[in-house]
All heavy atoms as atom14 arrays in JSON, in Angstrom:
{
  "sequence": "RDIWYSKDEKLINKYKYLIMLDLSDKELEKLALK",
  "atom14_mask": [
    [1, 1, 1, 1, 1, 1, 1, 1, 1, 1, 1, 0, 0, 0],
    [1, 1, 1, 1, 1, 1, 1, 1, 0, 0, 0, 0, 0, 0],
    [1, 1, 1, 1, 1, 1, 1, 1, 0, 0, 0, 0, 0, 0],
    [1, 1, 1, 1, 1, 1, 1, 1, 1, 1, 1, 1, 1, 1],
    [1, 1, 1, 1, 1, 1, 1, 1, 1, 1, 1, 1, 0, 0],
    [1, 1, 1, 1, 1, 1, 0, 0, 0, 0, 0, 0, 0, 0],
    [1, 1, 1, 1, 1, 1, 1, 1, 1, 0, 0, 0, 0, 0],
    [1, 1, 1, 1, 1, 1, 1, 1, 0, 0, 0, 0, 0, 0],
    [1, 1, 1, 1, 1, 1, 1, 1, 1, 0, 0, 0, 0, 0],
    [1, 1, 1, 1, 1, 1, 1, 1, 1, 0, 0, 0, 0, 0],
    [1, 1, 1, 1, 1, 1, 1, 1, 0, 0, 0, 0, 0, 0],
    [1, 1, 1, 1, 1, 1, 1, 1, 0, 0, 0, 0, 0, 0],
    [1, 1, 1, 1, 1, 1, 1, 1, 0, 0, 0, 0, 0, 0],
    [1, 1, 1, 1, 1, 1, 1, 1, 1, 0, 0, 0, 0, 0],
    [1, 1, 1, 1, 1, 1, 1, 1, 1, 1, 1, 1, 0, 0],
    [1, 1, 1, 1, 1, 1, 1, 1, 1, 0, 0, 0, 0, 0],
    [1, 1, 1, 1, 1, 1, 1, 1, 1, 1, 1, 1, 0, 0],
    [1, 1, 1, 1, 1, 1, 1, 1, 0, 0, 0, 0, 0, 0],
    [1, 1, 1, 1, 1, 1, 1, 1, 0, 0, 0, 0, 0, 0],
    [1, 1, 1, 1, 1, 1, 1, 1, 0, 0, 0, 0, 0, 0],
    [1, 1, 1, 1, 1, 1, 1, 1, 0, 0, 0, 0, 0, 0],
    [1, 1, 1, 1, 1, 1, 1, 1, 0, 0, 0, 0, 0, 0],
    [1, 1, 1, 1, 1, 1, 1, 1, 0, 0, 0, 0, 0, 0],
    [1, 1, 1, 1, 1, 1, 0, 0, 0, 0, 0, 0, 0, 0],
    [1, 1, 1, 1, 1, 1, 1, 1, 0, 0, 0, 0, 0, 0],
    [1, 1, 1, 1, 1, 1, 1, 1, 1, 0, 0, 0, 0, 0],
    [1, 1, 1, 1, 1, 1, 1, 1, 1, 0, 0, 0, 0, 0],
    [1, 1, 1, 1, 1, 1, 1, 1, 0, 0, 0, 0, 0, 0],
    [1, 1, 1, 1, 1, 1, 1, 1, 1, 0, 0, 0, 0, 0],
    [1, 1, 1, 1, 1, 1, 1, 1, 1, 0, 0, 0, 0, 0],
    [1, 1, 1, 1, 1, 1, 1, 1, 0, 0, 0, 0, 0, 0],
    [1, 1, 1, 1, 1, 0, 0, 0, 0, 0, 0, 0, 0, 0],
    [1, 1, 1, 1, 1, 1, 1, 1, 0, 0, 0, 0, 0, 0],
    [1, 1, 1, 1, 1, 1, 1, 1, 1, 0, 0, 0, 0, 0]
  ],
  "atom14_positions": [
    [[0.88, -1.24, -0.06], [0.01, -0.01, -0.05], [0.86, 1.21, -0.02], [0.47, 2.28, -0.61], [-0.94, -0.03, 1.19], [-2.08, 0.98, 1.11], [-3.04, 0.86, 2.32], [-4.28, 1.6, 2.14], [-4.38, 2.89, 2.35], [-3.35, 3.62, 2.7], [-5.52, 3.48, 2.13], [0.0, 0.0, 0.0], [0.0, 0.0, 0.0], [0.0, 0.0, 0.0]],
    [[2.04, 1.2, 0.68], [2.94, 2.38, 0.73], [3.42, 2.71, -0.65], [3.81, 3.86, -0.92], [4.1, 2.09, 1.68], [3.67, 2.12, 3.15], [2.63, 2.58, 3.46], [4.46, 1.63, 3.98], [0.0, 0.0, 0.0], [0.0, 0.0, 0.0], [0.0, 0.0, 0.0], [0.0, 0.0, 0.0], [0.0, 0.0, 0.0], [0.0, 0.0, 0.0]],
    [[3.5, 1.75, -1.58], [4.0, 2.05, -2.93], [3.09, 3.06, -3.55], [3.54, 3.97, -4.33], [3.95, 0.78, -3.76], [5.03, -0.2, -3.28], [4.23, 1.09, -5.25], [4.99, -1.63, -3.92], [0.0, 0.0, 0.0], [0.0, 0.0, 0.0], [0.0, 0.0, 0.0], [0.0, 0.0, 0.0], [0.0, 0.0, 0.0], [0.0, 0.0, 0.0]],
    [[1.8, 3.05, -3.21], [0.84, 4.03, -3.77], [1.24, 5.45, -3.43], [1.17, 6.42, -4.28], [-0.56, 3.75, -3.36], [-1.56, 4.81, -3.72], [-2.24, 5.66, -2.85], [-2.1, 5.06, -4.95], [-3.09, 6.5, -3.47], [-3.01, 6.17, -4.83], [-1.86, 4.58, -6.28], [-3.7, 6.68, -5.91], [-2.58, 5.08, -7.38], [-3.47, 6.12, -7.16]],
    [[1.77, 5.64, -2.25], [2.12, 7.02, -1.76], [3.51, 7.4, -2.17], [3.9, 8.53, -2.11], [2.02, 7.01, -0.22], [0.63, 6.73, 0.31], [0.43, 5.53, 0.98], [-0.42, 7.6, 0.09], [-0.92, 5.21, 1.37], [-1.67, 7.32, 0.53], [-1.88, 6.08, 1.16], [-3.19, 5.79, 1.63], [0.0, 0.0, 0.0], [0.0, 0.0, 0.0]],
    [[4.24, 6.4, -2.68], [5.66, 6.66, -3.11], [5.67, 7.41, -4.42], [6.76, 8.06, -4.75], [6.47, 5.38, -3.25], [6.03, 4.65, -4.41], [0.0, 0.0, 0.0], [0.0, 0.0, 0.0], [0.0, 0.0, 0.0], [0.0, 0.0, 0.0], [0.0, 0.0, 0.0], [0.0, 0.0, 0.0], [0.0, 0.0, 0.0], [0.0, 0.0, 0.0]],
    [[4.62, 7.38, -5.13], [4.51, 7.98, -6.47], [5.55, 7.44, -7.49], [5.78, 7.99, -8.55], [4.81, 9.51, -6.41], [3.97, 10.23, -5.38], [2.46, 10.16, -5.72], [1.64, 10.93, -4.68], [0.19, 10.78, -4.95], [0.0, 0.0, 0.0], [0.0, 0.0, 0.0], [0.0, 0.0, 0.0], [0.0, 0.0, 0.0], [0.0, 0.0, 0.0]],
    [[6.02, 6.16, -7.19], [6.89, 5.47, -8.13], [6.0, 4.73, -9.14], [5.45, 3.75, -8.89], [7.73, 4.49, -7.3], [8.82, 3.86, -8.22], [8.56, 3.56, -9.41], [9.87, 3.52, -7.67], [0.0, 0.0, 0.0], [0.0, 0.0, 0.0], [0.0, 0.0, 0.0], [0.0, 0.0, 0.0], [0.0, 0.0, 0.0], [0.0, 0.0, 0.0]],
    [[5.92, 5.34, -10.35], [4.99, 4.9, -11.36], [5.3, 3.47, -11.82], [4.45, 2.67, -12.09], [4.94, 5.78, -12.56], [4.34, 7.18, -12.25], [2.81, 7.05, -11.87], [2.15, 6.19, -12.32], [2.41, 7.88, -10.98], [0.0, 0.0, 0.0], [0.0, 0.0, 0.0], [0.0, 0.0, 0.0], [0.0, 0.0, 0.0], [0.0, 0.0, 0.0]],
    [[6.57, 3.17, -11.86], [7.02, 1.8, -12.28], [6.55, 0.77, -11.25], [5.98, -0.28, -11.69], [8.56, 1.78, -12.41], [9.05, 0.47, -13.01], [10.57, 0.52, -13.22], [11.04, -0.79, -13.78], [12.53, -0.75, -14.07], [0.0, 0.0, 0.0], [0.0, 0.0, 0.0], [0.0, 0.0, 0.0], [0.0, 0.0, 0.0], [0.0, 0.0, 0.0]],
    [[6.75, 0.99, -10.0], [6.35, 0.06, -8.96], [4.81, 0.04, -8.86], [4.22, -1.11, -8.65], [6.92, 0.43, -7.62], [8.32, -0.06, -7.29], [8.8, 0.42, -5.98], [8.41, -1.59, -7.41], [0.0, 0.0, 0.0], [0.0, 0.0, 0.0], [0.0, 0.0, 0.0], [0.0, 0.0, 0.0], [0.0, 0.0, 0.0], [0.0, 0.0, 0.0]],
    [[4.16, 1.19, -8.97], [2.69, 1.17, -8.94], [2.12, 0.33, -9.99], [1.21, -0.43, -9.8], [2.23, 2.67, -9.02], [2.52, 3.42, -7.73], [0.69, 2.67, -9.26], [2.2, 4.92, -7.82], [0.0, 0.0, 0.0], [0.0, 0.0, 0.0], [0.0, 0.0, 0.0], [0.0, 0.0, 0.0], [0.0, 0.0, 0.0], [0.0, 0.0, 0.0]],
    [[2.68, 0.48, -11.2], [2.17, -0.31, -12.35], [2.43, -1.84, -12.13], [1.61, -2.65, -12.45], [2.81, 0.12, -13.62], [2.18, -0.53, -14.89], [1.02, -0.38, -15.12], [3.06, -1.24, -15.6], [0.0, 0.0, 0.0], [0.0, 0.0, 0.0], [0.0, 0.0, 0.0], [0.0, 0.0, 0.0], [0.0, 0.0, 0.0], [0.0, 0.0, 0.0]],
    [[3.56, -2.15, -11.47], [3.91, -3.56, -11.27], [2.96, -4.23, -10.26], [2.52, -5.35, -10.5], [5.35, -3.69, -10.78], [5.72, -5.08, -10.48], [7.22, -5.16, -9.94], [7.63, -6.6, -9.69], [9.06, -6.71, -9.25], [0.0, 0.0, 0.0], [0.0, 0.0, 0.0], [0.0, 0.0, 0.0], [0.0, 0.0, 0.0], [0.0, 0.0, 0.0]],
    [[2.62, -3.46, -9.19], [1.79, -4.02, -8.09], [0.36, -3.49, -8.04], [-0.35, -3.63, -7.04], [2.49, -3.76, -6.78], [3.8, -4.51, -6.59], [5.0, -3.86, -6.6], [3.78, -5.91, -6.45], [6.2, -4.6, -6.44], [4.91, -6.62, -6.23], [6.19, -6.02, -6.17], [7.31, -6.72, -6.04], [0.0, 0.0, 0.0], [0.0, 0.0, 0.0]],
    [[-0.13, -2.88, -9.1], [-1.4, -2.22, -9.04], [-2.56, -3.08, -8.63], [-3.48, -2.62, -7.92], [-1.74, -1.46, -10.39], [-1.73, -2.46, -11.61], [-1.84, -1.67, -12.88], [-1.66, -2.59, -14.08], [-1.66, -1.84, -15.38], [0.0, 0.0, 0.0], [0.0, 0.0, 0.0], [0.0, 0.0, 0.0], [0.0, 0.0, 0.0], [0.0, 0.0, 0.0]],
    [[-2.53, -4.34, -9.02], [-3.65, -5.22, -8.73], [-3.58, -5.77, -7.25], [-4.5, -6.35, -6.71], [-3.65, -6.45, -9.66], [-3.83, -6.01, -11.07], [-2.94, -6.31, -12.09], [-4.97, -5.22, -11.45], [-3.08, -5.93, -13.36], [-5.17, -4.84, -12.73], [-4.21, -5.13, -13.69], [-4.37, -4.72, -15.0], [0.0, 0.0, 0.0], [0.0, 0.0, 0.0]],
    [[-2.43, -5.51, -6.59], [-2.33, -5.72, -5.16], [-2.62, -4.38, -4.42], [-3.3, -4.42, -3.4], [-0.94, -6.25, -4.77], [-0.67, -7.71, -5.08], [0.78, -8.04, -4.92], [-1.5, -8.58, -4.21], [0.0, 0.0, 0.0], [0.0, 0.0, 0.0], [0.0, 0.0, 0.0], [0.0, 0.0, 0.0], [0.0, 0.0, 0.0], [0.0, 0.0, 0.0]],
    [[-2.12, -3.34, -4.95], [-2.36, -2.04, -4.33], [-3.83, -1.7, -4.16], [-4.28, -1.22, -3.17], [-1.63, -0.88, -5.09], [-0.14, -1.03, -4.99], [-2.05, 0.45, -4.62], [0.68, -0.14, -5.97], [0.0, 0.0, 0.0], [0.0, 0.0, 0.0], [0.0, 0.0, 0.0], [0.0, 0.0, 0.0], [0.0, 0.0, 0.0], [0.0, 0.0, 0.0]],
    [[-4.62, -2.06, -5.22], [-6.02, -1.68, -5.24], [-6.81, -2.35, -4.18], [-7.86, -1.86, -3.74], [-6.7, -2.07, -6.59], [-6.79, -3.56, -6.81], [-7.5, -3.91, -8.47], [-7.66, -5.69, -8.34], [0.0, 0.0, 0.0], [0.0, 0.0, 0.0], [0.0, 0.0, 0.0], [0.0, 0.0, 0.0], [0.0, 0.0, 0.0], [0.0, 0.0, 0.0]],
    [[-6.28, -3.39, -3.55], [-7.1, -4.23, -2.58], [-7.39, -3.48, -1.31], [-8.39, -3.77, -0.65], [-6.36, -5.49, -2.28], [-6.16, -6.44, -3.41], [-5.42, -7.75, -2.93], [-7.49, -6.82, -4.09], [0.0, 0.0, 0.0], [0.0, 0.0, 0.0], [0.0, 0.0, 0.0], [0.0, 0.0, 0.0], [0.0, 0.0, 0.0], [0.0, 0.0, 0.0]],
    [[-6.55, -2.48, -0.95], [-6.81, -1.77, 0.35], [-6.78, -0.24, 0.18], [-6.48, 0.44, 1.13], [-5.76, -2.2, 1.35], [-6.17, -1.84, 2.81], [-7.36, -1.83, 3.07], [-5.23, -1.5, 3.55], [0.0, 0.0, 0.0], [0.0, 0.0, 0.0], [0.0, 0.0, 0.0], [0.0, 0.0, 0.0], [0.0, 0.0, 0.0], [0.0, 0.0, 0.0]],
    [[-7.09, 0.27, -0.95], [-7.13, 1.71, -1.13], [-8.52, 2.23, -0.71], [-9.48, 1.51, -0.71], [-6.93, 2.05, -2.64], [-5.53, 1.92, -3.14], [-5.46, 2.36, -4.63], [-4.47, 2.66, -2.35], [0.0, 0.0, 0.0], [0.0, 0.0, 0.0], [0.0, 0.0, 0.0], [0.0, 0.0, 0.0], [0.0, 0.0, 0.0], [0.0, 0.0, 0.0]],
    [[-8.55, 3.44, -0.28], [-9.83, 4.16, 0.06], [-10.64, 4.32, -1.24], [-10.05, 4.14, -2.35], [-9.59, 5.46, 0.77], [-9.03, 6.42, -0.14], [0.0, 0.0, 0.0], [0.0, 0.0, 0.0], [0.0, 0.0, 0.0], [0.0, 0.0, 0.0], [0.0, 0.0, 0.0], [0.0, 0.0, 0.0], [0.0, 0.0, 0.0], [0.0, 0.0, 0.0]],
    [[-11.87, 4.68, -1.13], [-12.71, 4.78, -2.3], [-12.2, 5.89, -3.22], [-12.08, 5.68, -4.46], [-14.14, 5.04, -1.98], [-14.28, 6.25, -0.92], [-13.33, 6.68, -0.37], [-15.47, 6.67, -0.79], [0.0, 0.0, 0.0], [0.0, 0.0, 0.0], [0.0, 0.0, 0.0], [0.0, 0.0, 0.0], [0.0, 0.0, 0.0], [0.0, 0.0, 0.0]],
    [[-11.69, 7.03, -2.69], [-11.23, 8.14, -3.48], [-9.85, 7.79, -4.11], [-9.63, 8.11, -5.28], [-11.13, 9.36, -2.65], [-12.45, 9.96, -2.22], [-12.27, 11.24, -1.44], [-13.7, 11.82, -1.09], [-13.59, 13.05, -0.28], [0.0, 0.0, 0.0], [0.0, 0.0, 0.0], [0.0, 0.0, 0.0], [0.0, 0.0, 0.0], [0.0, 0.0, 0.0]],
    [[-9.03, 7.11, -3.32], [-7.72, 6.68, -3.92], [-7.92, 5.69, -5.06], [-7.23, 5.71, -6.07], [-6.87, 6.11, -2.87], [-6.44, 7.03, -1.8], [-5.78, 6.37, -0.55], [-6.17, 5.25, -0.25], [-4.91, 7.01, 0.07], [0.0, 0.0, 0.0], [0.0, 0.0, 0.0], [0.0, 0.0, 0.0], [0.0, 0.0, 0.0], [0.0, 0.0, 0.0]],
    [[-8.89, 4.77, -4.84], [-9.13, 3.74, -5.85], [-9.65, 4.34, -7.18], [-9.31, 3.9, -8.23], [-10.18, 2.78, -5.27], [-10.46, 1.48, -6.1], [-9.19, 0.76, -6.36], [-11.45, 0.62, -5.4], [0.0, 0.0, 0.0], [0.0, 0.0, 0.0], [0.0, 0.0, 0.0], [0.0, 0.0, 0.0], [0.0, 0.0, 0.0], [0.0, 0.0, 0.0]],
    [[-10.41, 5.39, -7.03], [-10.96, 6.08, -8.24], [-9.81, 6.64, -9.05], [-9.81, 6.61, -10.27], [-11.95, 7.19, -7.86], [-13.26, 6.61, -7.36], [-14.25, 7.72, -6.98], [-13.83, 8.93, -7.05], [-15.33, 7.42, -6.54], [0.0, 0.0, 0.0], [0.0, 0.0, 0.0], [0.0, 0.0, 0.0], [0.0, 0.0, 0.0], [0.0, 0.0, 0.0]],
    [[-8.78, 7.19, -8.37], [-7.6, 7.7, -9.14], [-6.89, 6.57, -9.82], [-6.45, 6.8, -10.99], [-6.65, 8.37, -8.15], [-7.25, 9.63, -7.53], [-6.31, 10.29, -6.52], [-6.9, 11.53, -5.89], [-6.0, 12.09, -4.87], [0.0, 0.0, 0.0], [0.0, 0.0, 0.0], [0.0, 0.0, 0.0], [0.0, 0.0, 0.0], [0.0, 0.0, 0.0]],
    [[-6.64, 5.46, -9.15], [-5.96, 4.36, -9.79], [-6.76, 3.77, -10.93], [-6.22, 3.33, -11.97], [-5.63, 3.25, -8.77], [-4.75, 2.07, -9.2], [-3.47, 2.56, -9.79], [-4.56, 1.1, -8.11], [0.0, 0.0, 0.0], [0.0, 0.0, 0.0], [0.0, 0.0, 0.0], [0.0, 0.0, 0.0], [0.0, 0.0, 0.0], [0.0, 0.0, 0.0]],
    [[-8.11, 3.71, -10.78], [-9.03, 3.16, -11.8], [-8.88, 3.97, -13.07], [-9.19, 3.35, -14.17], [-10.43, 3.17, -11.26], [0.0, 0.0, 0.0], [0.0, 0.0, 0.0], [0.0, 0.0, 0.0], [0.0, 0.0, 0.0], [0.0, 0.0, 0.0], [0.0, 0.0, 0.0], [0.0, 0.0, 0.0], [0.0, 0.0, 0.0], [0.0, 0.0, 0.0]],
    [[-8.58, 5.18, -13.06], [-8.43, 5.96, -14.27], [-7.29, 5.44, -15.13], [-7.24, 5.76, -16.35], [-8.19, 7.49, -13.88], [-9.39, 8.19, -13.23], [-8.9, 9.61, -12.8], [-10.56, 8.28, -14.09], [0.0, 0.0, 0.0], [0.0, 0.0, 0.0], [0.0, 0.0, 0.0], [0.0, 0.0, 0.0], [0.0, 0.0, 0.0], [0.0, 0.0, 0.0]],
    [[-6.34, 4.77, -14.55], [-5.18, 4.3, -15.32], [-5.29, 2.88, -15.82], [-4.41, 2.45, -16.56], [-3.95, 4.41, -14.38], [-3.72, 5.83, -13.84], [-2.48, 5.83, -12.99], [-2.22, 7.22, -12.46], [-0.97, 7.25, -11.56], [0.0, 0.0, 0.0], [0.0, 0.0, 0.0], [0.0, 0.0, 0.0], [0.0, 0.0, 0.0], [0.0, 0.0, 0.0]]
  ]
}
């Protein structure tokens, strides 16, 4: 989950399907756009 706050786009893209599991509704909407 901390990867989401790191703003590291490469890591976010690698783990996005794990990151999404515990994001808040507003954070999830931002990731969903990608």
